Amino acid sequence: MEYVGYVEPGGYDQVVFRGDPATREFIAFWLSGGRVLAGMNVNVWDVTDPIRELVRSGRVVDAERLADPGVPLGEV
């Protein structure tokens, strides 16, 4: 499990899951105004750098594409 970014309790308006938390293989993203504030991967490998880039970019993302494991994180 790795966590990137920072969000205070209540400092977000949406949580997006990529994958299925029930399987314990997923990425969770905390968003505010469509911007990724933080991300946490659980048993998903080699995604820390792309998550970090999403957080650092500060750009608005499409939540549906963010949730879709078929869309590379760099193309969200």
Protein backbone atom coordinates (compact mmCIF):
# COMPACT_ATOMS: atom_id res chain seq x y z
CA MET A 1 0.00 0.00 0.00
CA GLU A 2 1.36 3.40 -0.98
CA TYR A 3 -0.18 6.86 -0.52
CA VAL A 4 0.69 9.95 -2.55
CA GLY A 5 -0.52 13.51 -1.94
CA TYR A 6 -2.47 14.89 0.95
CA VAL A 7 -6.07 15.62 1.73
CA GLU A 8 -7.53 16.71 5.04
CA PRO A 9 -10.63 14.97 6.40
CA GLY A 10 -13.58 16.48 4.56
CA GLY A 11 -11.24 18.28 2.14
CA TYR A 12 -12.51 16.31 -0.86
CA ASP A 13 -15.83 15.98 -2.64
CA GLN A 14 -15.37 12.62 -4.37
CA VAL A 15 -13.55 9.31 -3.95
CA VAL A 16 -12.96 7.31 -7.12
CA PHE A 17 -11.99 3.64 -7.10
CA ARG A 18 -10.09 1.96 -9.92
CA GLY A 19 -10.44 -1.77 -9.38
CA ASP A 20 -12.46 -3.57 -6.75
CA PRO A 21 -11.81 -2.91 -3.05
CA ALA A 22 -13.40 -6.29 -2.24
CA THR A 23 -10.50 -8.03 -4.00
CA ARG A 24 -7.94 -5.87 -2.18
CA GLU A 25 -6.45 -4.80 -5.51
CA PHE A 26 -7.41 -1.23 -6.27
CA ILE A 27 -6.42 2.41 -6.42
CA ALA A 28 -8.40 5.04 -4.52
CA PHE A 29 -8.30 8.69 -5.57
CA TRP A 30 -9.51 11.64 -3.50
CA LEU A 31 -10.74 14.52 -5.67
CA SER A 32 -11.89 18.07 -5.15
CA GLY A 33 -13.38 20.00 -8.02
CA GLY A 34 -12.26 17.23 -10.38
CA ARG A 35 -8.61 17.53 -9.33
CA VAL A 36 -6.76 14.59 -7.79
CA LEU A 37 -5.54 15.56 -4.32
CA ALA A 38 -4.28 12.15 -3.24
CA GLY A 39 -4.12 8.55 -4.36
CA MET A 40 -3.52 5.24 -2.64
CA ASN A 41 -2.70 1.99 -4.38
CA VAL A 42 -3.40 -1.33 -2.71
CA ASN A 43 -1.70 -4.36 -4.27
CA VAL A 44 -1.41 -2.61 -7.64
CA TRP A 45 2.19 -2.33 -8.77
CA ASP A 46 4.12 0.33 -10.67
CA VAL A 47 1.51 3.08 -10.40
CA THR A 48 3.08 5.37 -7.80
CA ASP A 49 4.74 7.65 -10.35
CA PRO A 50 1.61 8.11 -12.50
CA ILE A 51 -0.45 8.80 -9.36
CA ARG A 52 2.13 11.34 -8.23
CA GLU A 53 1.95 13.04 -11.65
CA LEU A 54 -1.84 13.30 -11.43
CA VAL A 55 -1.58 14.90 -7.98
CA ARG A 56 1.19 17.30 -8.98
CA SER A 57 -0.45 18.35 -12.25
CA GLY A 58 -3.46 19.91 -10.51
CA ARG A 59 -5.47 19.44 -13.68
CA VAL A 60 -9.13 18.46 -13.82
CA VAL A 61 -9.62 14.79 -14.73
CA ASP A 62 -12.56 12.77 -16.01
CA ALA A 63 -13.68 10.62 -13.05
CA GLU A 64 -15.10 7.89 -15.32
CA ARG A 65 -11.78 7.53 -17.17
CA LEU A 66 -9.93 7.64 -13.85
CA ALA A 67 -12.01 4.69 -12.61
CA ASP A 68 -11.51 2.66 -15.81
CA PRO A 69 -8.55 0.25 -15.50
CA GLY A 70 -8.46 0.04 -19.30
CA VAL A 71 -7.40 3.69 -19.55
CA PRO A 72 -3.72 4.29 -18.73
CA LEU A 73 -3.32 6.74 -15.85
CA GLY A 74 -1.23 9.00 -18.05
CA GLU A 75 -4.20 9.38 -20.40
CA VAL A 76 -6.86 10.27 -17.83
